[in-house]
Amino acid sequence: MTIRQFSRLILLGLIWGASFMFIKVAVATVPPFTIVLARVGTAAAFLFVVVTLRGSRLPAPGLLWISFLVMGFFNGAIPYSLISWGEQHIEAGLAAIFNGLMPLFTVLFAHFATRDERFSRRKGVGVALGFMGLIFLVGPSALEGLDSSLLGQLAVTGAAASYAVAAIYGKRLARDKPLVLATGQMLAGTLLIAPLSITFDRPWSLSPTLPAILSLMCLGILGTAFAYILYYRLLSEVGAIKLSLVTYIIPVSGIFWGWLILGERLHWTAFAGLGLILISVASVGEMAWNGKAGFTFDPFGWASRFLTEKRLHQGVRLFMVLGCSLFLFRRLLEFDTYLLKPLWAVETLIYVVLIIAFLVRTEPVDRSRGLAEIAIPAFGALLPFLLLFASPVRFISASRPMLLGVFWFMTLATGLTVWGMWALRRSFSITVEARNVVVRGPYRYLRHPVYAGEILAAAAVTFWRMSWMNAAVFALFAIIQMTRARMEEEKLKRNFPEYASYARRVWWVW
């Protein structure tokens, strides 16, 4: 993928992400059905002109128009209406995140609707992670009844499911001209939504504001018609697998536009859910964990086009050293706030060991490659911080012996993590990389003492600050740590044949 193609991919993600912002502005004074009619009608007219100027023509009435109607229904009328209605009750950025569930629904539906898209273990884990992200997004409101916010979230989730149905059905149309398909689909969507708009919204009686009118124009021309042209151009140039990267850009773009233009501020659970959904999409998508599917999104590999791999790793090491130094400085200021000083000591020691490890570690024999080997560990490293948002359990905090017991358990578990990190030192990495086989220190007894200590410490924090959200965070954290361990073991076995015999001798912990 060239820089120009990559720039077009980013542009497409920004445009589709901005569509949620345009809808949010328009829905303040224009009802949902009329928003959809303006969107698909404007896009149909614009695309019809483009198709005509290119010397093509729409097919004669026949079976293909039935397909246009199906696509116009599931890829236009239904999802556009649900998103427009849902954004009456939720933020534009949150709607963009829910829309990111589409690939998960596609995998789920394809398992039952096709013979060649069956579930695999990797896809099953990805779907589970994605729907755990959905739990984060919905939050405790689901337990409080069907309020308007929850209904809005369910509506946008339904739109993602409708897109998935359209994606599965649309594969049978791949042999036809893409722009003709897009034009026919928009015309069919216009025919389907017009009666609903006329009956329920009475558009001739509306008084939309100027921002709403401009948003509708941008939504139809820029967010739909131009976006389709750009999409199909990229599809022909880079292929479907690389183009699927836009799935990761749209939710982030939607959050950005909602923050920049609308001043939206999402709760931390929205970002946790977004992280889970992006990781799950990487798991279920065509982008492989190890490159076997033909293309693996490789941020380090892309960046190495501008910097040598050695310089790139030096930059990462410097960034991590500076970041850990800032956290160490903050930790030193928190000494007086700790009830149990040994706990403060071991938690502070983590940052000292991290700084030493990043200063002395060797270059990897096999670096991290692909989104999964980079994003999953990075997200896992941040997850434990989410446990601190919940309030401490009252009966634990009220009992000094019980509280000290929890803190001592955390101290011992964190001490195991520090011991393991110190044993690694020159071989330490957050992402999945192979540098050397370490068998000293706690690695004589456990294959993954760092992860074991982190899981035990997180379990103690979850017990101390118990909530349904923290229970979900802890379960996810344990899954991610085990996934990291499995990916690391596979990489070590490929690069160091002696690791297999070591793995047979030493306990895996889980």
Protein backbone atom coordinates (compact mmCIF):
# COMPACT_ATOMS: atom_id res chain seq x y z
CA MET A 1 0.00 0.00 0.00
CA THR A 2 1.50 3.32 -1.08
CA ILE A 3 1.42 6.50 1.00
CA ARG A 4 -1.24 7.90 -1.34
CA GLN A 5 -3.42 4.81 -0.94
CA PHE A 6 -2.94 4.85 2.82
CA SER A 7 -3.94 8.53 2.86
CA ARG A 8 -7.11 7.69 0.94
CA LEU A 9 -7.87 4.95 3.45
CA ILE A 10 -7.52 7.42 6.32
CA LEU A 11 -9.71 9.91 4.41
CA LEU A 12 -12.42 7.27 3.94
CA GLY A 13 -12.37 6.46 7.64
CA LEU A 14 -12.58 10.15 8.54
CA ILE A 15 -15.53 10.69 6.17
CA TRP A 16 -17.51 7.69 7.40
CA GLY A 17 -16.72 8.60 11.00
CA ALA A 18 -17.93 12.16 10.35
CA SER A 19 -21.26 10.77 9.13
CA PHE A 20 -22.27 10.09 12.73
CA MET A 21 -21.58 13.72 13.57
CA PHE A 22 -23.65 14.93 10.58
CA ILE A 23 -26.54 12.72 11.70
CA LYS A 24 -26.34 14.05 15.26
CA VAL A 25 -26.58 17.64 14.00
CA ALA A 26 -29.42 16.90 11.58
CA VAL A 27 -31.56 14.81 13.94
CA ALA A 28 -32.08 17.83 16.22
CA THR A 29 -34.61 19.30 13.75
CA VAL A 30 -35.17 16.57 11.13
CA PRO A 31 -36.90 13.21 11.90
CA PRO A 32 -34.98 9.96 11.21
CA PHE A 33 -36.90 8.76 8.13
CA THR A 34 -36.46 12.11 6.41
CA ILE A 35 -32.74 12.12 7.23
CA VAL A 36 -32.43 8.73 5.53
CA LEU A 37 -34.50 9.89 2.53
CA ALA A 38 -32.28 12.95 2.10
CA ARG A 39 -29.15 10.83 2.46
CA VAL A 40 -29.98 8.03 0.03
CA GLY A 41 -31.85 10.30 -2.38
CA THR A 42 -28.96 12.75 -2.68
CA ALA A 43 -26.44 9.91 -2.97
CA ALA A 44 -28.55 8.16 -5.63
CA ALA A 45 -28.76 11.31 -7.76
CA PHE A 46 -25.05 12.05 -7.41
CA LEU A 47 -24.01 8.45 -8.21
CA PHE A 48 -26.41 8.28 -11.15
CA VAL A 49 -24.70 11.32 -12.70
CA VAL A 50 -21.25 9.74 -12.13
CA VAL A 51 -22.31 6.42 -13.66
CA THR A 52 -23.82 8.19 -16.68
CA LEU A 53 -20.72 10.33 -17.25
CA ARG A 54 -18.58 7.18 -17.19
CA GLY A 55 -20.66 5.68 -19.99
CA SER A 56 -22.35 3.01 -17.90
CA ARG A 57 -26.04 2.42 -17.46
CA LEU A 58 -28.27 0.80 -14.91
CA PRO A 59 -29.58 -2.69 -15.75
CA ALA A 60 -33.05 -3.22 -17.16
CA PRO A 61 -35.80 -4.29 -14.74
CA GLY A 62 -35.21 -7.88 -13.70
CA LEU A 63 -33.82 -10.13 -10.98
CA LEU A 64 -30.88 -7.81 -10.31
CA TRP A 65 -33.28 -5.13 -9.12
CA ILE A 66 -34.55 -7.55 -6.48
CA SER A 67 -30.98 -7.69 -5.22
CA PHE A 68 -30.85 -3.89 -5.29
CA LEU A 69 -33.98 -3.81 -3.13
CA VAL A 70 -32.50 -6.32 -0.66
CA MET A 71 -29.27 -4.33 -0.42
CA GLY A 72 -31.16 -1.05 -0.24
CA PHE A 73 -33.16 -2.47 2.65
CA PHE A 74 -30.36 -4.06 4.72
CA ASN A 75 -27.50 -1.73 3.71
CA GLY A 76 -29.47 1.50 3.57
CA ALA A 77 -33.03 1.92 4.81
CA ILE A 78 -32.76 -0.23 7.96
CA PRO A 79 -29.29 0.74 9.31
CA TYR A 80 -29.53 4.42 8.35
CA SER A 81 -32.93 4.67 10.07
CA LEU A 82 -31.77 2.87 13.21
CA ILE A 83 -28.63 5.00 13.50
CA SER A 84 -30.58 8.22 12.95
CA TRP A 85 -33.17 7.24 15.54
CA GLY A 86 -30.53 5.99 17.98
CA GLU A 87 -28.55 9.23 17.80
CA GLN A 88 -31.55 11.07 19.21
CA HIS A 89 -30.61 9.40 22.51
CA ILE A 90 -26.84 8.73 22.45
CA GLU A 91 -23.66 10.56 21.44
CA ALA A 92 -22.35 10.42 17.87
CA GLY A 93 -19.02 8.98 19.05
CA LEU A 94 -20.77 6.22 20.97
CA ALA A 95 -22.86 5.37 17.91
CA ALA A 96 -19.65 5.05 15.88
CA ILE A 97 -18.27 2.59 18.43
CA PHE A 98 -21.42 0.45 18.32
CA ASN A 99 -21.21 0.47 14.53
CA GLY A 100 -17.80 -1.20 14.89
CA LEU A 101 -19.61 -4.40 15.92
CA MET A 102 -20.52 -5.08 12.27
CA PRO A 103 -17.62 -7.49 11.51
CA LEU A 104 -18.52 -9.54 14.59
CA PHE A 105 -22.12 -9.92 13.47
CA THR A 106 -20.84 -10.81 10.00
CA VAL A 107 -18.74 -13.68 11.39
CA LEU A 108 -21.61 -14.84 13.59
CA PHE A 109 -24.23 -14.80 10.82
CA ALA A 110 -21.87 -16.26 8.20
CA HIS A 111 -21.32 -19.31 10.38
CA PHE A 112 -24.98 -20.24 9.98
CA ALA A 113 -25.67 -18.76 6.54
CA THR A 114 -22.69 -20.06 4.54
CA ARG A 115 -20.70 -23.26 4.20
CA ASP A 116 -17.23 -21.77 3.77
CA GLU A 117 -17.25 -19.23 6.64
CA ARG A 118 -17.41 -21.56 9.63
CA PHE A 119 -16.42 -20.67 13.16
CA SER A 120 -12.84 -21.31 14.25
CA ARG A 121 -11.49 -21.14 17.78
CA ARG A 122 -9.83 -17.80 16.99
CA LYS A 123 -13.07 -16.38 15.62
CA GLY A 124 -14.97 -17.68 18.65
CA VAL A 125 -12.59 -15.91 21.02
CA GLY A 126 -12.83 -12.75 18.92
CA VAL A 127 -16.64 -12.74 19.01
CA ALA A 128 -16.58 -13.33 22.79
CA LEU A 129 -14.23 -10.36 23.27
CA GLY A 130 -16.39 -8.19 21.04
CA PHE A 131 -19.56 -8.88 22.94
CA MET A 132 -17.71 -8.31 26.20
CA GLY A 133 -16.93 -4.91 24.71
CA LEU A 134 -20.66 -4.52 24.07
CA ILE A 135 -21.27 -5.19 27.78
CA PHE A 136 -18.82 -2.40 28.63
CA LEU A 137 -20.62 -0.03 26.28
CA VAL A 138 -24.11 -0.77 27.55
CA GLY A 139 -22.97 -0.70 31.18
CA PRO A 140 -25.25 -0.98 34.20
CA SER A 141 -28.09 0.80 32.36
CA ALA A 142 -29.18 -2.60 31.07
CA LEU A 143 -30.07 -3.59 34.63
CA GLU A 144 -32.20 -0.49 35.17
CA GLY A 145 -34.77 -1.08 32.43
CA LEU A 146 -35.23 0.07 28.85
CA ASP A 147 -34.58 3.78 29.11
CA SER A 148 -34.11 5.95 26.02
CA SER A 149 -30.31 5.73 26.16
CA LEU A 150 -30.35 1.93 26.20
CA LEU A 151 -32.89 1.84 23.38
CA GLY A 152 -30.64 4.14 21.35
CA GLN A 153 -27.69 1.82 21.94
CA LEU A 154 -29.75 -1.21 20.91
CA ALA A 155 -30.90 0.59 17.77
CA VAL A 156 -27.34 1.30 16.61
CA THR A 157 -26.38 -2.29 17.49
CA GLY A 158 -29.26 -3.43 15.27
CA ALA A 159 -27.85 -1.25 12.48
CA ALA A 160 -24.50 -3.05 12.76
CA ALA A 161 -26.34 -6.38 12.51
CA SER A 162 -28.21 -5.16 9.41
CA TYR A 163 -24.92 -4.13 7.78
CA ALA A 164 -23.63 -7.65 8.47
CA VAL A 165 -26.61 -9.24 6.68
CA ALA A 166 -25.96 -6.94 3.71
CA ALA A 167 -22.26 -7.88 3.67
CA ILE A 168 -23.06 -11.59 3.48
CA TYR A 169 -25.75 -11.14 0.85
CA GLY A 170 -23.64 -8.68 -1.15
CA LYS A 171 -20.93 -11.25 -1.85
CA ARG A 172 -23.11 -12.80 -4.54
CA LEU A 173 -23.08 -9.45 -6.38
CA ALA A 174 -19.30 -9.05 -6.45
CA ARG A 175 -19.10 -9.83 -10.17
CA ASP A 176 -21.14 -6.76 -11.13
CA LYS A 177 -19.81 -3.23 -11.59
CA PRO A 178 -19.37 -1.72 -8.10
CA LEU A 179 -20.61 1.80 -8.87
CA VAL A 180 -23.65 0.46 -10.70
CA LEU A 181 -24.41 -1.67 -7.64
CA ALA A 182 -24.02 1.30 -5.31
CA THR A 183 -26.28 3.46 -7.51
CA GLY A 184 -28.95 0.76 -7.77
CA GLN A 185 -28.79 0.18 -4.03
CA MET A 186 -29.27 3.90 -3.27
CA LEU A 187 -32.16 4.19 -5.73
CA ALA A 188 -33.82 1.15 -4.16
CA GLY A 189 -33.25 2.59 -0.69
CA THR A 190 -34.91 5.84 -1.79
CA LEU A 191 -37.98 3.95 -3.03
CA LEU A 192 -38.19 2.02 0.24
CA ILE A 193 -37.80 4.94 2.64
CA ALA A 194 -39.82 7.60 0.77
CA PRO A 195 -43.28 6.23 1.81
CA LEU A 196 -42.21 6.11 5.47
CA SER A 197 -40.89 9.67 5.40
CA ILE A 198 -44.03 10.99 3.67
CA THR A 199 -46.41 9.09 5.98
CA PHE A 200 -44.77 9.66 9.36
CA ASP A 201 -42.54 12.74 9.03
CA ARG A 202 -44.49 14.91 6.56
CA PRO A 203 -41.22 16.53 5.37
CA TRP A 204 -42.99 19.48 3.70
CA SER A 205 -44.08 20.68 7.16
CA LEU A 206 -40.60 20.61 8.72
CA SER A 207 -38.48 23.66 9.55
CA PRO A 208 -34.88 22.38 9.60
CA THR A 209 -32.10 24.69 10.73
CA LEU A 210 -29.31 25.73 8.38
CA PRO A 211 -26.75 23.44 10.16
CA ALA A 212 -29.17 20.53 9.71
CA ILE A 213 -29.59 21.25 5.98
CA LEU A 214 -25.82 21.52 5.48
CA SER A 215 -25.31 18.31 7.45
CA LEU A 216 -27.81 16.48 5.25
CA MET A 217 -26.04 17.70 2.11
CA CYS A 218 -22.66 16.58 3.48
CA LEU A 219 -24.15 13.27 4.59
CA GLY A 220 -25.58 12.50 1.17
CA ILE A 221 -22.80 13.79 -1.10
CA LEU A 222 -19.68 13.39 1.04
CA GLY A 223 -20.57 10.67 3.57
CA THR A 224 -22.40 8.40 1.11
CA ALA A 225 -21.87 9.09 -2.61
CA PHE A 226 -18.23 10.28 -2.54
CA ALA A 227 -17.39 7.72 0.15
CA TYR A 228 -18.67 4.91 -2.09
CA ILE A 229 -16.59 6.16 -5.02
CA LEU A 230 -13.50 6.33 -2.81
CA TYR A 231 -14.29 2.92 -1.33
CA TYR A 232 -14.55 1.15 -4.67
CA ARG A 233 -11.44 2.86 -6.00
CA LEU A 234 -9.46 1.59 -3.01
CA LEU A 235 -11.07 -1.82 -3.39
CA SER A 236 -9.71 -2.10 -6.93
CA GLU A 237 -6.26 -0.78 -5.96
CA VAL A 238 -5.44 -2.51 -2.66
CA GLY A 239 -7.98 -5.31 -2.32
CA ALA A 240 -10.58 -6.21 0.28
CA ILE A 241 -8.17 -7.35 3.01
CA LYS A 242 -6.17 -4.12 3.23
CA LEU A 243 -9.32 -2.08 2.76
CA SER A 244 -10.81 -3.76 5.84
CA LEU A 245 -8.44 -1.59 7.90
CA VAL A 246 -11.05 1.16 7.59
CA THR A 247 -13.06 -0.82 10.17
CA TYR A 248 -10.56 0.30 12.81
CA ILE A 249 -10.55 3.93 11.71
CA ILE A 250 -14.30 4.65 11.67
CA PRO A 251 -15.00 4.37 15.46
CA VAL A 252 -11.94 6.45 16.35
CA SER A 253 -12.91 8.98 13.69
CA GLY A 254 -16.47 9.14 15.02
CA ILE A 255 -15.20 9.82 18.55
CA PHE A 256 -12.81 12.49 17.22
CA TRP A 257 -15.48 14.40 15.29
CA GLY A 258 -17.93 14.14 18.17
CA TRP A 259 -15.32 15.60 20.51
CA LEU A 260 -14.07 18.29 18.09
CA ILE A 261 -17.36 19.59 16.70
CA LEU A 262 -20.00 18.57 19.23
CA GLY A 263 -17.94 18.73 22.43
CA GLU A 264 -18.83 15.16 23.43
CA ARG A 265 -17.04 13.55 26.38
CA LEU A 266 -17.47 9.78 26.59
CA HIS A 267 -17.19 7.71 29.77
CA TRP A 268 -14.10 5.56 30.21
CA THR A 269 -16.19 2.42 29.70
CA ALA A 270 -16.82 3.56 26.10
CA PHE A 271 -13.08 3.55 25.41
CA ALA A 272 -12.67 0.18 27.15
CA GLY A 273 -15.45 -1.20 24.97
CA LEU A 274 -13.84 0.33 21.88
CA GLY A 275 -10.53 -1.35 22.71
CA LEU A 276 -12.23 -4.73 23.11
CA ILE A 277 -14.13 -4.35 19.86
CA LEU A 278 -11.01 -3.38 17.88
CA ILE A 279 -9.08 -6.34 19.29
CA SER A 280 -11.98 -8.67 18.54
CA VAL A 281 -12.26 -7.35 14.96
CA ALA A 282 -8.55 -8.05 14.52
CA SER A 283 -9.18 -11.60 15.74
CA VAL A 284 -12.16 -12.42 13.54
CA GLY A 285 -11.06 -10.49 10.44
CA GLU A 286 -9.02 -11.65 7.49
CA MET A 287 -5.87 -10.07 8.92
CA ALA A 288 -4.00 -13.00 10.43
CA TRP A 289 -2.11 -13.08 13.72
CA ASN A 290 0.96 -14.48 11.98
CA GLY A 291 0.55 -13.45 8.38
CA LYS A 292 -0.83 -16.73 7.04
CA ALA A 293 -3.89 -15.01 5.59
CA GLY A 294 -1.85 -13.00 3.15
CA PHE A 295 -1.74 -9.62 4.87
CA THR A 296 -1.04 -8.65 8.43
CA PHE A 297 -1.39 -5.08 9.58
CA ASP A 298 2.14 -4.39 10.79
CA PRO A 299 2.63 -0.93 12.35
CA PHE A 300 6.34 -1.51 13.03
CA GLY A 301 6.87 -2.80 9.51
CA TRP A 302 5.10 0.22 8.02
CA ALA A 303 7.13 2.62 10.21
CA SER A 304 10.37 0.88 9.21
CA ARG A 305 9.86 2.32 5.72
CA PHE A 306 10.86 5.67 7.21
CA LEU A 307 13.28 4.55 9.94
CA THR A 308 15.62 1.60 10.13
CA GLU A 309 14.37 -1.14 12.42
CA LYS A 310 17.24 -0.47 14.82
CA ARG A 311 16.40 3.26 15.06
CA LEU A 312 12.74 2.44 15.47
CA HIS A 313 13.41 0.16 18.45
CA GLN A 314 15.73 2.75 19.95
CA GLY A 315 12.92 5.29 19.71
CA VAL A 316 10.46 2.91 21.37
CA ARG A 317 12.96 2.22 24.17
CA LEU A 318 13.52 5.93 24.75
CA PHE A 319 9.78 6.62 24.81
CA MET A 320 9.19 3.82 27.34
CA VAL A 321 12.06 4.94 29.56
CA LEU A 322 10.69 8.49 29.66
CA GLY A 323 7.14 7.28 30.31
CA CYS A 324 8.20 4.93 33.12
CA SER A 325 10.32 7.70 34.65
CA LEU A 326 7.26 9.97 34.84
CA PHE A 327 5.23 7.22 36.51
CA LEU A 328 8.13 6.56 38.92
CA PHE A 329 8.24 10.24 39.89
CA ARG A 330 4.49 10.21 40.54
CA ARG A 331 4.81 7.03 42.59
CA LEU A 332 7.48 8.60 44.81
CA LEU A 333 5.03 11.39 45.66
CA GLU A 334 2.40 8.85 46.79
CA PHE A 335 4.45 7.31 49.61
CA ASP A 336 2.42 8.92 52.41
CA THR A 337 -0.92 7.74 50.96
CA TYR A 338 -0.12 4.01 51.33
CA LEU A 339 -1.32 2.11 54.37
CA LEU A 340 1.10 -0.75 53.72
CA LYS A 341 4.55 0.56 52.80
CA PRO A 342 5.87 -2.79 51.44
CA LEU A 343 3.09 -2.65 48.84
CA TRP A 344 4.21 0.83 47.83
CA ALA A 345 7.80 -0.46 47.60
CA VAL A 346 7.10 -3.38 45.25
CA GLU A 347 4.76 -1.32 43.04
CA THR A 348 7.41 1.40 42.82
CA LEU A 349 10.06 -1.20 42.07
CA ILE A 350 8.14 -2.21 38.93
CA TYR A 351 8.95 1.12 37.32
CA VAL A 352 12.60 0.93 38.38
CA VAL A 353 12.92 -2.53 36.80
CA LEU A 354 11.08 -1.38 33.67
CA ILE A 355 13.49 1.53 33.19
CA ILE A 356 16.50 -0.78 33.62
CA ALA A 357 15.00 -3.38 31.28
CA PHE A 358 14.33 -0.89 28.48
CA LEU A 359 17.85 0.54 28.86
CA VAL A 360 19.68 -2.80 28.66
CA ARG A 361 17.45 -5.07 26.58
CA THR A 362 18.83 -6.55 23.36
CA GLU A 363 17.32 -6.27 19.89
CA PRO A 364 14.69 -8.96 19.22
CA VAL A 365 15.46 -12.07 17.24
CA ASP A 366 11.84 -12.05 16.07
CA ARG A 367 9.98 -8.75 16.61
CA SER A 368 6.25 -8.31 17.13
CA ARG A 369 4.30 -8.43 13.89
CA GLY A 370 0.69 -7.67 13.21
CA LEU A 371 -2.05 -5.95 15.12
CA ALA A 372 -2.70 -8.83 17.52
CA GLU A 373 0.91 -9.13 18.71
CA ILE A 374 1.02 -5.38 19.40
CA ALA A 375 -2.52 -4.30 20.35
CA ILE A 376 -3.51 -7.22 22.60
CA PRO A 377 -0.48 -6.91 24.95
CA ALA A 378 -0.69 -3.10 24.99
CA PHE A 379 -4.39 -3.17 25.85
CA GLY A 380 -3.75 -5.84 28.49
CA ALA A 381 -1.07 -3.70 30.11
CA LEU A 382 -3.57 -0.85 30.56
CA LEU A 383 -6.55 -2.90 31.75
CA PRO A 384 -5.57 -3.21 35.46
CA PHE A 385 -5.75 0.58 35.80
CA LEU A 386 -9.48 0.35 35.06
CA LEU A 387 -9.96 -1.68 38.25
CA LEU A 388 -9.18 1.42 40.31
CA PHE A 389 -12.27 3.32 39.13
CA ALA A 390 -14.65 1.26 41.28
CA SER A 391 -15.12 2.18 44.94
CA PRO A 392 -13.66 -0.12 47.64
CA VAL A 393 -16.02 -2.64 49.18
CA ARG A 394 -17.26 -1.21 52.47
CA PHE A 395 -16.95 -4.31 54.64
CA ILE A 396 -13.32 -4.81 53.55
CA SER A 397 -12.30 -1.19 54.04
CA ALA A 398 -13.99 -1.12 57.48
CA SER A 399 -11.92 -4.09 58.71
CA ARG A 400 -8.24 -3.23 59.14
CA PRO A 401 -7.10 -6.90 59.40
CA MET A 402 -9.00 -7.84 56.22
CA LEU A 403 -7.70 -4.78 54.37
CA LEU A 404 -4.12 -5.53 55.41
CA GLY A 405 -4.63 -9.15 54.33
CA VAL A 406 -5.68 -8.02 50.85
CA PHE A 407 -2.73 -5.60 50.67
CA TRP A 408 -0.22 -8.25 51.77
CA PHE A 409 -1.58 -10.61 49.10
CA MET A 410 -1.13 -7.85 46.52
CA THR A 411 2.40 -7.25 47.81
CA LEU A 412 3.41 -10.91 47.39
CA ALA A 413 1.77 -11.18 43.95
CA THR A 414 3.41 -7.98 42.74
CA GLY A 415 6.71 -9.19 44.19
CA LEU A 416 6.45 -12.28 41.96
CA THR A 417 5.92 -10.00 38.96
CA VAL A 418 8.96 -7.86 39.86
CA TRP A 419 11.11 -10.98 40.35
CA GLY A 420 10.08 -12.28 36.94
CA MET A 421 10.73 -8.94 35.22
CA TRP A 422 14.16 -8.69 36.84
CA ALA A 423 15.00 -12.20 35.63
CA LEU A 424 14.00 -11.19 32.10
CA ARG A 425 15.71 -7.77 31.93
CA ARG A 426 17.56 -7.95 28.59
CA SER A 427 14.77 -10.14 27.18
CA PHE A 428 11.84 -8.08 28.47
CA SER A 429 9.12 -6.79 26.12
CA ILE A 430 5.52 -5.69 26.40
CA THR A 431 4.60 -6.75 22.87
CA VAL A 432 5.08 -10.31 21.62
CA GLU A 433 8.78 -10.59 20.74
CA ALA A 434 11.50 -13.25 21.02
CA ARG A 435 14.93 -12.35 22.35
CA ASN A 436 16.19 -15.29 24.39
CA VAL A 437 15.03 -18.25 26.46
CA VAL A 438 15.19 -17.27 30.15
CA VAL A 439 15.33 -20.11 32.70
CA ARG A 440 16.73 -18.33 35.76
CA GLY A 441 14.94 -16.95 38.82
CA PRO A 442 11.23 -17.80 39.00
CA TYR A 443 11.39 -19.17 35.44
CA ARG A 444 12.91 -22.31 36.93
CA TYR A 445 9.49 -23.03 38.44
CA LEU A 446 6.94 -21.14 36.31
CA ARG A 447 6.89 -20.45 32.59
CA HIS A 448 5.06 -17.13 33.07
CA PRO A 449 5.74 -15.72 36.56
CA VAL A 450 5.18 -12.11 35.41
CA TYR A 451 1.68 -12.87 34.15
CA ALA A 452 0.90 -15.10 37.13
CA GLY A 453 1.82 -12.31 39.55
CA GLU A 454 -0.18 -9.73 37.58
CA ILE A 455 -3.29 -11.94 37.50
CA LEU A 456 -3.07 -12.64 41.24
CA ALA A 457 -2.58 -8.96 42.06
CA ALA A 458 -5.51 -8.02 39.80
CA ALA A 459 -7.64 -10.64 41.54
CA ALA A 460 -6.88 -9.01 44.89
CA VAL A 461 -7.78 -5.55 43.58
CA THR A 462 -11.01 -6.95 42.12
CA PHE A 463 -11.90 -8.50 45.50
CA TRP A 464 -11.15 -5.21 47.26
CA ARG A 465 -13.09 -3.09 44.72
CA MET A 466 -15.71 -5.62 43.67
CA SER A 467 -18.29 -4.61 41.07
CA TRP A 468 -19.82 -6.29 38.06
CA MET A 469 -17.65 -4.08 35.84
CA ASN A 470 -14.45 -5.00 37.68
CA ALA A 471 -15.36 -8.68 37.48
CA ALA A 472 -15.65 -8.32 33.68
CA VAL A 473 -12.37 -6.36 33.52
CA PHE A 474 -10.56 -9.03 35.55
CA ALA A 475 -11.95 -11.87 33.42
CA LEU A 476 -10.86 -10.07 30.27
CA PHE A 477 -7.43 -9.31 31.74
CA ALA A 478 -6.87 -12.98 32.60
CA ILE A 479 -7.90 -14.04 29.08
CA ILE A 480 -5.57 -11.49 27.49
CA GLN A 481 -2.62 -12.54 29.66
CA MET A 482 -3.15 -16.18 28.75
CA THR A 483 -3.44 -15.22 25.09
CA ARG A 484 -0.18 -13.25 25.33
CA ALA A 485 1.51 -16.24 26.93
CA ARG A 486 0.30 -18.56 24.16
CA MET A 487 1.50 -16.21 21.39
CA GLU A 488 4.88 -15.77 23.09
CA GLU A 489 5.34 -19.51 23.47
CA GLU A 490 4.58 -20.10 19.79
CA LYS A 491 7.14 -17.46 18.81
CA LEU A 492 9.80 -18.82 21.19
CA LYS A 493 9.30 -22.37 19.89
CA ARG A 494 9.76 -21.16 16.30
CA ASN A 495 13.02 -19.36 17.11
CA PHE A 496 14.51 -21.51 19.88
CA PRO A 497 14.04 -25.28 19.49
CA GLU A 498 15.16 -25.85 23.08
CA TYR A 499 12.12 -23.97 24.40
CA ALA A 500 9.84 -26.94 23.67
CA SER A 501 11.74 -29.18 26.08
CA TYR A 502 11.79 -26.41 28.70
CA ALA A 503 8.02 -25.99 28.33
CA ARG A 504 7.49 -29.71 28.95
CA ARG A 505 9.50 -29.57 32.18
CA VAL A 506 8.14 -26.39 33.75
CA TRP A 507 4.63 -25.75 35.02
CA TRP A 508 2.51 -23.39 32.93
CA VAL A 509 0.55 -22.07 35.97
CA TRP A 510 -2.79 -22.22 34.21
